[in-house]
Amino acid sequence: GTGSNILSALQDLFWLLKSKAEKQLQIISVLQWVLTFLIMGIACTLILMYILCTDCWAIAALYLAWLVFDWNTPKKGGRRSQWVRNWTIWRYFRDYFPIRLVKTHNLLTTRNYIFGYHPHGIMGLGAFCNFSTEATGVSQKFPGIRPYLATLAGNFRMPILRDYLMSGGICPVNRDSIDYILSKNGSGNAIIIVVGGAAESLNCTPGKNSVTLKNRKGFVKLALRHGADLVPVYSFGENEVYKQVIFEEGSWGRWVQKKFQKHIGFAPCIFHGRGLFSSNTWGLLPYSKPITTVVGEPITIPKIDNPSQKDVDFYHSIYVDSLIKLFDKYKSKFGLPETEVLEVN
């Protein structure tokens, strides 16, 4: 009687404490990634400059020498680390939202692929978790396929940050890097390109499903030049984890954002999530909303060394249709009404 009641109470207390501890670990795992996304590059650059002015300058000088020697590595497939990709912290990161990867078709290891990831969201959280870590089991779901998440080339000019990104299999989203992976790295490669980029991030807001795609055809041309199959990918919930101020076209705010996008490569967004200690306050932490990334059916692409605009337009239209069909097929399964329409801009 009394003994069993005490034991039951202790078990309940243990599970309560364990649940709270796991939630705190999830918050810490997401916070470290957000801070990495926002400030790690600048912070590491400033720290390196400071060390150069101290008695430990030799350490910084050695790293800078290594940086010069290793400068082109990101353009040649990078330097991924399975150890980093399998860190336990990424599983806590996954469970915070949670994030889920859905496979709809098998991928042949004898082919190369370009995944078009939609939508961008504020930080591309689903793209990172699913393809730059093993938290959602991408290697088990697509055995023999090596995913490379492509991001701004400017990130790879930042000391330390560049090495951290490469360890997760992240590469620069430029022609040199993509050409190398698709032509000199064998088969079974999948480059994930967030097609909408910075322009798409300016319009992301909860409850809105829209993609910037109509005039984004460079990835199709690359696919044709290398004979890499195109794979549409839609991430349901990517736009739900942050709220942002949307500036109207023609406003001073949108003008500033577009200037940054044009000259620097990213667009500064005014956004917020939840606070560190309470979901009812504003902060940098994303809201814990589910993100489900669905990888669609590959579109077979022929190899054309010099594709014409007609070729590009033809396969681009097939890709757009495939993305819309993917969205329509799975939207009701992941919380959207049947009447929801994907807006293609």
Foldseek 3Di string as FASTA:
>chain_A
DVVVVVVVVVVVVVVVVVVVVLLLLLLVLQVVVLCLQPPVLVVQVVVLVVCCVDPNVVVSVVLVVVCVVCVCQLLQQFDAALVLLADPSLLSPCVLLPEEEAEDDADDQQAEEEEAEDDCAQPNSNCCSQQLHCNRPNCVVHPNAHEEEEDAPVQCVGPPSVNSNRRSRYHHPDDSSLCNCLPPVGGRYYYYYNQQFQVSNLPQAPPAFEGAAPPRQPVLVSCQQRQHWYKYKYKPCSSVFKHFDRDDPPDPQVVQQVVCCVPPNHGDTGIWAADSVDRVHTHHGTHSHYIYMYIGDIDGHHHDNDDDPVSSVVVSVVVVVRNQVVCLVCVVVRPHDNPDGYHYD
